[in-house]
N, C-alpha and C. Protein backbone atom coordinates (compact mmCIF):
# COMPACT_ATOMS: atom_id res chain seq x y z
N UNK A 1 14.72 28.06 19.99
CA UNK A 1 16.01 27.42 19.93
C UNK A 1 17.06 28.51 20.16
N UNK A 2 17.95 28.33 21.13
CA UNK A 2 18.95 29.37 21.38
C UNK A 2 20.03 29.34 20.30
N UNK A 3 20.84 30.42 20.27
CA UNK A 3 21.81 30.57 19.19
C UNK A 3 22.90 29.51 19.25
N UNK A 4 23.32 29.12 20.46
CA UNK A 4 24.38 28.13 20.58
C UNK A 4 23.92 26.77 20.05
N UNK A 5 22.73 26.36 20.46
CA UNK A 5 22.20 25.08 20.00
C UNK A 5 21.98 25.09 18.49
N UNK A 6 21.48 26.22 17.96
CA UNK A 6 21.25 26.31 16.52
C UNK A 6 22.56 26.22 15.76
N UNK A 7 23.60 26.86 16.24
CA UNK A 7 24.87 26.80 15.52
C UNK A 7 25.49 25.41 15.61
N UNK A 8 25.34 24.73 16.77
CA UNK A 8 25.86 23.38 16.89
C UNK A 8 25.10 22.43 15.96
N UNK A 9 23.81 22.58 15.89
CA UNK A 9 23.01 21.73 15.03
C UNK A 9 23.32 22.01 13.56
N UNK A 10 23.58 23.29 13.22
CA UNK A 10 23.94 23.63 11.85
C UNK A 10 25.29 23.01 11.48
N UNK A 11 26.22 23.03 12.42
CA UNK A 11 27.52 22.42 12.15
C UNK A 11 27.37 20.91 11.98
N UNK A 12 26.53 20.29 12.82
CA UNK A 12 26.27 18.85 12.70
C UNK A 12 25.64 18.54 11.35
N UNK A 13 24.68 19.35 10.94
CA UNK A 13 24.03 19.12 9.65
C UNK A 13 25.02 19.30 8.51
N UNK A 14 25.89 20.29 8.62
CA UNK A 14 26.87 20.52 7.56
C UNK A 14 27.86 19.37 7.49
N UNK A 15 28.27 18.85 8.63
CA UNK A 15 29.25 17.76 8.62
C UNK A 15 28.61 16.45 8.20
N UNK A 16 27.38 16.19 8.65
CA UNK A 16 26.73 14.91 8.38
C UNK A 16 26.35 14.76 6.91
N UNK A 17 25.90 15.87 6.30
CA UNK A 17 25.41 15.80 4.93
C UNK A 17 26.36 16.41 3.92
N UNK A 18 27.49 16.93 4.38
CA UNK A 18 28.40 17.58 3.45
C UNK A 18 27.82 18.87 2.91
N UNK A 19 27.02 19.58 3.72
CA UNK A 19 26.40 20.82 3.29
C UNK A 19 27.21 22.01 3.77
N UNK A 20 26.92 23.15 3.21
CA UNK A 20 27.54 24.37 3.68
C UNK A 20 26.80 24.81 4.92
N UNK A 21 27.42 25.63 5.80
CA UNK A 21 26.69 26.12 6.98
C UNK A 21 25.38 26.78 6.55
N UNK A 22 24.36 26.58 7.36
CA UNK A 22 23.02 27.03 6.99
C UNK A 22 22.52 28.11 7.92
N UNK A 23 21.61 28.92 7.41
CA UNK A 23 20.97 29.93 8.24
C UNK A 23 19.89 29.28 9.08
N UNK A 24 19.37 30.03 10.03
CA UNK A 24 18.38 29.49 10.96
C UNK A 24 17.15 28.97 10.24
N UNK A 25 16.63 29.71 9.23
CA UNK A 25 15.45 29.27 8.49
C UNK A 25 15.74 27.97 7.73
N UNK A 26 16.90 27.92 7.09
CA UNK A 26 17.27 26.71 6.35
C UNK A 26 17.41 25.52 7.28
N UNK A 27 17.89 25.78 8.50
CA UNK A 27 18.04 24.71 9.48
C UNK A 27 16.69 24.12 9.84
N UNK A 28 15.68 24.99 9.99
CA UNK A 28 14.35 24.50 10.34
C UNK A 28 13.79 23.66 9.20
N UNK A 29 14.16 23.97 7.97
CA UNK A 29 13.69 23.19 6.83
C UNK A 29 14.40 21.85 6.79
N UNK A 30 15.69 21.80 7.18
CA UNK A 30 16.47 20.58 7.09
C UNK A 30 16.28 19.65 8.28
N UNK A 31 15.76 20.14 9.40
CA UNK A 31 15.64 19.31 10.60
C UNK A 31 14.82 18.05 10.37
N UNK A 32 13.65 18.11 9.69
CA UNK A 32 12.91 16.86 9.47
C UNK A 32 13.70 15.84 8.65
N UNK A 33 14.46 16.31 7.65
CA UNK A 33 15.26 15.39 6.84
C UNK A 33 16.34 14.73 7.69
N UNK A 34 16.99 15.49 8.56
CA UNK A 34 18.03 14.93 9.43
C UNK A 34 17.41 13.92 10.38
N UNK A 35 16.21 14.23 10.90
CA UNK A 35 15.51 13.29 11.78
C UNK A 35 15.19 11.99 11.05
N UNK A 36 14.78 12.08 9.79
CA UNK A 36 14.50 10.87 9.02
C UNK A 36 15.77 10.07 8.80
N UNK A 37 16.89 10.77 8.56
CA UNK A 37 18.16 10.06 8.37
C UNK A 37 18.59 9.33 9.64
N UNK A 38 18.39 9.96 10.78
CA UNK A 38 18.74 9.31 12.05
C UNK A 38 17.85 8.10 12.25
N UNK A 39 16.54 8.22 11.97
CA UNK A 39 15.62 7.10 12.10
C UNK A 39 16.00 5.99 11.12
N UNK A 40 16.43 6.36 9.92
CA UNK A 40 16.84 5.39 8.92
C UNK A 40 18.06 4.60 9.42
N UNK A 41 19.00 5.27 10.06
CA UNK A 41 20.20 4.60 10.56
C UNK A 41 19.88 3.63 11.68
N UNK A 42 18.87 3.91 12.48
CA UNK A 42 18.50 3.05 13.60
C UNK A 42 17.89 1.74 13.14
N UNK A 43 17.14 1.77 12.08
CA UNK A 43 16.50 0.56 11.57
C UNK A 43 15.15 0.33 12.22
N UNK A 44 14.50 -0.75 11.82
CA UNK A 44 13.17 -1.10 12.33
C UNK A 44 13.34 -1.75 13.69
N UNK A 45 12.62 -1.25 14.68
CA UNK A 45 12.76 -1.71 16.05
C UNK A 45 11.70 -2.73 16.47
N UNK A 46 10.66 -2.90 15.68
CA UNK A 46 9.55 -3.79 16.04
C UNK A 46 9.47 -4.94 15.04
N UNK A 47 8.62 -5.89 15.33
CA UNK A 47 8.38 -7.00 14.41
C UNK A 47 7.44 -6.53 13.31
N UNK A 48 7.99 -6.21 12.16
CA UNK A 48 7.22 -5.87 10.97
C UNK A 48 7.57 -6.89 9.91
N UNK A 49 6.59 -7.29 9.12
CA UNK A 49 6.79 -8.37 8.17
C UNK A 49 6.58 -7.88 6.75
N UNK A 50 7.33 -8.45 5.83
CA UNK A 50 7.20 -8.13 4.41
C UNK A 50 5.82 -8.56 3.94
N UNK A 51 5.18 -7.71 3.15
CA UNK A 51 3.83 -8.01 2.66
C UNK A 51 3.85 -9.09 1.59
N UNK A 52 5.00 -9.34 0.99
CA UNK A 52 5.07 -10.32 -0.09
C UNK A 52 5.37 -11.73 0.43
N UNK A 53 6.37 -11.85 1.33
CA UNK A 53 6.82 -13.19 1.73
C UNK A 53 6.72 -13.45 3.23
N UNK A 54 6.45 -12.43 4.05
CA UNK A 54 6.32 -12.64 5.49
C UNK A 54 7.63 -12.60 6.25
N UNK A 55 8.72 -12.20 5.62
CA UNK A 55 10.03 -12.14 6.27
C UNK A 55 10.01 -11.05 7.34
N UNK A 56 10.58 -11.33 8.52
CA UNK A 56 10.63 -10.37 9.61
C UNK A 56 11.68 -9.31 9.30
N UNK A 57 11.27 -8.06 9.22
CA UNK A 57 12.15 -6.96 8.83
C UNK A 57 12.81 -6.27 10.01
N UNK A 58 12.72 -6.83 11.21
CA UNK A 58 13.34 -6.23 12.40
C UNK A 58 14.83 -6.07 12.13
N UNK A 59 15.37 -4.94 12.56
CA UNK A 59 16.77 -4.51 12.44
C UNK A 59 17.17 -4.15 11.02
N UNK A 60 16.29 -4.26 10.04
CA UNK A 60 16.60 -3.83 8.68
C UNK A 60 16.40 -2.32 8.60
N UNK A 61 16.86 -1.70 7.53
CA UNK A 61 16.68 -0.26 7.38
C UNK A 61 15.19 0.05 7.21
N UNK A 62 14.82 1.28 7.50
CA UNK A 62 13.41 1.68 7.48
C UNK A 62 12.84 1.66 6.06
N UNK A 63 13.66 1.99 5.08
CA UNK A 63 13.25 1.96 3.69
C UNK A 63 14.24 1.07 2.95
N UNK A 64 13.74 0.13 2.18
CA UNK A 64 14.65 -0.73 1.45
C UNK A 64 13.95 -1.85 0.73
N UNK A 65 14.71 -2.93 0.49
CA UNK A 65 14.19 -4.12 -0.19
C UNK A 65 14.27 -5.30 0.77
N UNK A 66 13.29 -6.16 0.71
CA UNK A 66 13.29 -7.39 1.50
C UNK A 66 14.42 -8.28 1.01
N UNK A 67 15.19 -8.83 1.94
CA UNK A 67 16.32 -9.67 1.53
C UNK A 67 15.86 -11.05 1.05
N UNK A 68 14.63 -11.43 1.34
CA UNK A 68 14.14 -12.74 0.91
C UNK A 68 13.55 -12.70 -0.50
N UNK A 69 12.67 -11.73 -0.76
CA UNK A 69 11.96 -11.73 -2.04
C UNK A 69 12.24 -10.51 -2.91
N UNK A 70 12.90 -9.48 -2.38
CA UNK A 70 13.21 -8.29 -3.17
C UNK A 70 12.10 -7.27 -3.23
N UNK A 71 11.03 -7.46 -2.43
CA UNK A 71 9.92 -6.52 -2.40
C UNK A 71 10.37 -5.19 -1.80
N UNK A 72 10.03 -4.06 -2.44
CA UNK A 72 10.33 -2.75 -1.87
C UNK A 72 9.40 -2.49 -0.70
N UNK A 73 9.94 -1.93 0.39
CA UNK A 73 9.10 -1.58 1.53
C UNK A 73 9.51 -0.23 2.07
N UNK A 74 8.61 0.39 2.78
CA UNK A 74 8.84 1.67 3.44
C UNK A 74 8.13 1.61 4.78
N UNK A 75 8.87 1.48 5.86
CA UNK A 75 8.29 1.27 7.18
C UNK A 75 8.13 2.57 7.97
N UNK A 76 8.28 3.71 7.31
CA UNK A 76 8.05 4.96 8.03
C UNK A 76 6.58 5.03 8.41
N UNK A 77 6.28 5.55 9.60
CA UNK A 77 4.88 5.53 10.08
C UNK A 77 3.89 6.23 9.14
N UNK A 78 4.35 7.19 8.37
CA UNK A 78 3.43 7.88 7.47
C UNK A 78 3.23 7.15 6.15
N UNK A 79 4.08 6.17 5.83
CA UNK A 79 4.01 5.47 4.55
C UNK A 79 3.44 4.06 4.71
N UNK A 80 4.19 3.17 5.35
CA UNK A 80 3.83 1.76 5.54
C UNK A 80 3.44 1.09 4.22
N UNK A 81 4.35 1.13 3.27
CA UNK A 81 4.12 0.47 1.99
C UNK A 81 4.98 -0.79 1.94
N UNK A 82 4.41 -1.87 1.47
CA UNK A 82 5.15 -3.12 1.38
C UNK A 82 5.28 -3.83 2.71
N UNK A 83 4.55 -3.37 3.71
CA UNK A 83 4.58 -3.94 5.05
C UNK A 83 3.28 -4.69 5.28
N UNK A 84 3.37 -5.90 5.84
CA UNK A 84 2.17 -6.69 6.13
C UNK A 84 1.45 -6.08 7.33
N UNK A 85 0.22 -5.67 7.12
CA UNK A 85 -0.61 -5.12 8.18
C UNK A 85 -1.70 -6.15 8.47
N UNK A 86 -1.69 -6.75 9.65
CA UNK A 86 -2.59 -7.88 9.91
C UNK A 86 -4.02 -7.48 10.23
N UNK A 87 -4.66 -6.75 9.35
CA UNK A 87 -6.08 -6.45 9.54
C UNK A 87 -6.90 -7.52 8.82
N UNK A 88 -8.07 -7.73 9.31
CA UNK A 88 -8.93 -8.77 8.74
C UNK A 88 -9.49 -8.27 7.42
N UNK A 89 -9.25 -9.00 6.37
CA UNK A 89 -9.78 -8.65 5.07
C UNK A 89 -10.76 -9.74 4.66
N UNK A 90 -11.90 -9.32 4.17
CA UNK A 90 -12.95 -10.27 3.85
C UNK A 90 -13.13 -10.40 2.35
N UNK A 91 -13.69 -11.51 1.96
CA UNK A 91 -14.01 -11.73 0.55
C UNK A 91 -15.13 -10.75 0.17
N UNK A 92 -14.98 -10.02 -0.93
CA UNK A 92 -15.95 -8.98 -1.28
C UNK A 92 -17.21 -9.54 -1.95
N UNK A 93 -18.07 -10.14 -1.16
CA UNK A 93 -19.30 -10.71 -1.71
C UNK A 93 -20.18 -9.66 -2.36
N UNK A 94 -20.15 -8.44 -1.83
CA UNK A 94 -20.98 -7.36 -2.39
C UNK A 94 -20.56 -7.06 -3.83
N UNK A 95 -19.27 -7.11 -4.13
CA UNK A 95 -18.83 -6.86 -5.51
C UNK A 95 -19.26 -7.99 -6.44
N UNK A 96 -19.27 -9.21 -5.94
CA UNK A 96 -19.77 -10.31 -6.77
C UNK A 96 -21.26 -10.14 -7.06
N UNK A 97 -22.02 -9.69 -6.06
CA UNK A 97 -23.46 -9.44 -6.29
C UNK A 97 -23.67 -8.29 -7.27
N UNK A 98 -22.85 -7.23 -7.15
CA UNK A 98 -22.95 -6.13 -8.10
C UNK A 98 -22.65 -6.61 -9.52
N UNK A 99 -21.64 -7.47 -9.64
CA UNK A 99 -21.32 -8.02 -10.96
C UNK A 99 -22.52 -8.77 -11.52
N UNK A 100 -23.12 -9.64 -10.70
CA UNK A 100 -24.26 -10.42 -11.18
C UNK A 100 -25.42 -9.52 -11.59
N UNK A 101 -25.69 -8.49 -10.80
CA UNK A 101 -26.80 -7.58 -11.11
C UNK A 101 -26.53 -6.82 -12.41
N UNK A 102 -25.33 -6.27 -12.55
CA UNK A 102 -25.00 -5.51 -13.77
C UNK A 102 -24.97 -6.42 -14.99
N UNK A 103 -24.36 -7.60 -14.86
CA UNK A 103 -24.27 -8.50 -16.00
C UNK A 103 -25.66 -8.98 -16.43
N UNK A 104 -26.50 -9.33 -15.45
CA UNK A 104 -27.84 -9.81 -15.80
C UNK A 104 -28.65 -8.69 -16.46
N UNK A 105 -28.56 -7.48 -15.91
CA UNK A 105 -29.30 -6.36 -16.51
C UNK A 105 -28.79 -6.06 -17.92
N UNK A 106 -27.47 -6.09 -18.09
CA UNK A 106 -26.90 -5.83 -19.41
C UNK A 106 -27.30 -6.87 -20.43
N UNK A 107 -27.28 -8.13 -20.03
CA UNK A 107 -27.67 -9.20 -20.95
C UNK A 107 -29.15 -9.07 -21.32
N UNK A 108 -30.00 -8.79 -20.35
CA UNK A 108 -31.43 -8.63 -20.64
C UNK A 108 -31.68 -7.45 -21.58
N UNK A 109 -30.96 -6.34 -21.35
CA UNK A 109 -31.13 -5.19 -22.24
C UNK A 109 -30.63 -5.49 -23.65
N UNK A 110 -29.51 -6.19 -23.75
CA UNK A 110 -29.01 -6.55 -25.08
C UNK A 110 -29.95 -7.53 -25.79
N UNK A 111 -30.52 -8.46 -25.04
CA UNK A 111 -31.52 -9.38 -25.62
C UNK A 111 -32.71 -8.59 -26.13
N UNK A 112 -33.16 -7.60 -25.33
CA UNK A 112 -34.29 -6.77 -25.72
C UNK A 112 -33.93 -5.96 -26.97
N UNK A 113 -32.67 -5.51 -27.07
CA UNK A 113 -32.24 -4.74 -28.24
C UNK A 113 -32.21 -5.60 -29.49
N UNK A 114 -31.77 -6.84 -29.35
CA UNK A 114 -31.70 -7.74 -30.52
C UNK A 114 -33.09 -8.17 -30.95
N UNK A 115 -33.93 -8.56 -30.00
CA UNK A 115 -35.27 -9.05 -30.34
C UNK A 115 -36.21 -7.94 -30.79
N UNK A 116 -36.13 -6.80 -30.09
CA UNK A 116 -37.08 -5.72 -30.40
C UNK A 116 -36.53 -4.67 -31.33
N UNK A 117 -35.22 -4.68 -31.56
CA UNK A 117 -34.63 -3.67 -32.43
C UNK A 117 -34.53 -2.30 -31.79
N UNK A 118 -34.48 -2.25 -30.48
CA UNK A 118 -34.41 -0.96 -29.79
C UNK A 118 -32.94 -0.59 -29.56
N UNK A 119 -32.54 0.52 -30.14
CA UNK A 119 -31.15 0.99 -30.02
C UNK A 119 -30.86 1.44 -28.59
N UNK A 120 -31.85 2.06 -27.94
CA UNK A 120 -31.63 2.57 -26.57
C UNK A 120 -31.27 1.44 -25.62
N UNK A 121 -31.82 0.25 -25.82
CA UNK A 121 -31.51 -0.88 -24.95
C UNK A 121 -30.06 -1.33 -25.15
N UNK A 122 -29.58 -1.24 -26.36
CA UNK A 122 -28.18 -1.59 -26.64
C UNK A 122 -27.25 -0.56 -26.01
N UNK A 123 -27.64 0.72 -26.07
CA UNK A 123 -26.82 1.78 -25.49
C UNK A 123 -26.75 1.68 -23.96
N UNK A 124 -27.75 1.10 -23.36
CA UNK A 124 -27.71 0.90 -21.90
C UNK A 124 -27.08 -0.44 -21.52
N UNK A 125 -27.26 -1.44 -22.35
CA UNK A 125 -26.79 -2.78 -22.01
C UNK A 125 -25.28 -2.92 -22.04
N UNK A 126 -24.64 -2.31 -23.03
CA UNK A 126 -23.18 -2.44 -23.15
C UNK A 126 -22.45 -1.80 -21.97
N UNK A 127 -22.78 -0.55 -21.57
CA UNK A 127 -22.11 0.00 -20.38
C UNK A 127 -22.38 -0.80 -19.10
N UNK A 128 -23.57 -1.38 -18.99
CA UNK A 128 -23.85 -2.21 -17.82
C UNK A 128 -22.98 -3.46 -17.81
N UNK A 129 -22.76 -4.07 -18.95
CA UNK A 129 -21.86 -5.23 -19.03
C UNK A 129 -20.43 -4.84 -18.68
N UNK A 130 -19.98 -3.69 -19.18
CA UNK A 130 -18.63 -3.23 -18.88
C UNK A 130 -18.48 -2.95 -17.39
N UNK A 131 -19.49 -2.31 -16.80
CA UNK A 131 -19.45 -2.04 -15.37
C UNK A 131 -19.44 -3.33 -14.57
N UNK A 132 -20.22 -4.31 -15.02
CA UNK A 132 -20.22 -5.60 -14.34
C UNK A 132 -18.87 -6.27 -14.39
N UNK A 133 -18.19 -6.18 -15.54
CA UNK A 133 -16.85 -6.75 -15.65
C UNK A 133 -15.85 -6.03 -14.75
N UNK A 134 -16.04 -4.73 -14.58
CA UNK A 134 -15.16 -3.99 -13.67
C UNK A 134 -15.38 -4.45 -12.22
N UNK A 135 -16.64 -4.66 -11.84
CA UNK A 135 -16.91 -5.19 -10.50
C UNK A 135 -16.29 -6.58 -10.33
N UNK A 136 -16.40 -7.41 -11.36
CA UNK A 136 -15.83 -8.75 -11.28
C UNK A 136 -14.30 -8.69 -11.14
N UNK A 137 -13.67 -7.83 -11.91
CA UNK A 137 -12.21 -7.68 -11.81
C UNK A 137 -11.79 -7.26 -10.41
N UNK A 138 -12.47 -6.27 -9.85
CA UNK A 138 -12.15 -5.82 -8.50
C UNK A 138 -12.38 -6.92 -7.48
N UNK A 139 -13.46 -7.65 -7.61
CA UNK A 139 -13.78 -8.71 -6.66
C UNK A 139 -12.75 -9.83 -6.72
N UNK A 140 -12.31 -10.20 -7.91
CA UNK A 140 -11.31 -11.27 -8.04
C UNK A 140 -9.98 -10.82 -7.45
N UNK A 141 -9.57 -9.59 -7.73
CA UNK A 141 -8.31 -9.09 -7.16
C UNK A 141 -8.38 -9.04 -5.63
N UNK A 142 -9.48 -8.57 -5.08
CA UNK A 142 -9.63 -8.50 -3.63
C UNK A 142 -9.66 -9.89 -3.01
N UNK A 143 -10.27 -10.85 -3.70
CA UNK A 143 -10.30 -12.23 -3.19
C UNK A 143 -8.90 -12.83 -3.18
N UNK A 144 -8.14 -12.60 -4.25
CA UNK A 144 -6.76 -13.12 -4.30
C UNK A 144 -5.92 -12.49 -3.19
N UNK A 145 -6.08 -11.20 -2.98
CA UNK A 145 -5.34 -10.52 -1.91
C UNK A 145 -5.75 -11.06 -0.54
N UNK A 146 -7.03 -11.33 -0.35
CA UNK A 146 -7.52 -11.88 0.91
C UNK A 146 -6.92 -13.26 1.17
N UNK A 147 -6.91 -14.10 0.16
CA UNK A 147 -6.34 -15.45 0.31
C UNK A 147 -4.85 -15.36 0.58
N UNK A 148 -4.14 -14.46 -0.11
CA UNK A 148 -2.71 -14.28 0.10
C UNK A 148 -2.43 -13.80 1.52
N UNK A 149 -3.24 -12.85 2.02
CA UNK A 149 -3.02 -12.34 3.38
C UNK A 149 -3.28 -13.42 4.42
N UNK A 150 -4.30 -14.23 4.21
CA UNK A 150 -4.57 -15.31 5.17
C UNK A 150 -3.43 -16.31 5.20
N UNK A 151 -2.89 -16.67 4.03
CA UNK A 151 -1.75 -17.59 3.98
C UNK A 151 -0.52 -16.97 4.64
N UNK A 152 -0.29 -15.69 4.40
CA UNK A 152 0.84 -15.01 5.01
C UNK A 152 0.69 -14.92 6.52
N UNK A 153 -0.54 -14.67 6.99
CA UNK A 153 -0.79 -14.61 8.43
C UNK A 153 -0.51 -15.97 9.07
N UNK A 154 -0.93 -17.07 8.40
CA UNK A 154 -0.64 -18.42 8.92
C UNK A 154 0.85 -18.69 8.95
N UNK A 155 1.55 -18.26 7.91
CA UNK A 155 2.99 -18.46 7.83
C UNK A 155 3.70 -17.69 8.95
N UNK A 156 3.28 -16.46 9.21
CA UNK A 156 3.89 -15.68 10.28
C UNK A 156 3.61 -16.29 11.64
N UNK A 157 2.37 -16.76 11.85
CA UNK A 157 2.04 -17.40 13.13
C UNK A 157 2.82 -18.68 13.32
N UNK A 158 3.00 -19.45 12.25
CA UNK A 158 3.78 -20.69 12.36
C UNK A 158 5.23 -20.39 12.67
N UNK A 159 5.80 -19.35 12.06
CA UNK A 159 7.19 -19.01 12.35
C UNK A 159 7.35 -18.44 13.74
N UNK A 160 6.31 -17.77 14.27
CA UNK A 160 6.37 -17.24 15.63
C UNK A 160 6.28 -18.38 16.66
N UNK A 161 5.57 -19.45 16.31
CA UNK A 161 5.42 -20.59 17.23
C UNK A 161 6.72 -21.37 17.35
N UNK A 162 7.55 -21.34 16.29
CA UNK A 162 8.82 -22.10 16.32
C UNK A 162 9.84 -21.52 17.24
C-alpha cells in the first residue's frame, strides 16, 4: 500500500469512526472492521430468510433483528446465525434406536439387580437409562426442528409462488 493511499484511508477511518489518525500497523488492524461496517451499511443483497418465521431479510442490515418475529440474526458469511438454510434435515431414527437399546438394556440390568441382588447390575443399569434419556431428548429436539424446517420451507415456497 503506498503512502498516499494509506494516509487517505487513515483519514477516512478517522473521520468515519471518530478515531484519531492511525499509524500504518493500526490501519491494517482496523481495515477488516471498516470493511464489515461498509458491508453492514449495504445490507443483505440476496434472498435470505429468518430461521424463526421465514420473513425475507433482503435489504435489511446484515446483523439485526427480524422485523416480523424479533429473532436475532447474523447474515455475515462466517456466522449465518438465525438464517434459514434450506438443507434437508431428516428425522433421527438412529437416535430413537439408540434410546430403545439403552433403555431396554438399563431396564434389564435393573431387573437383574432387583431380582438377583447384584449391585453391579444396578451400577450399570442406571447410567444406561440416563444415556437412553439423553438420546431420546436429542432425537425429540431434532425431530421438532426437522418438522419446523419443513413447515418453514413450505411457507417460503408458497410466498415465492405468490
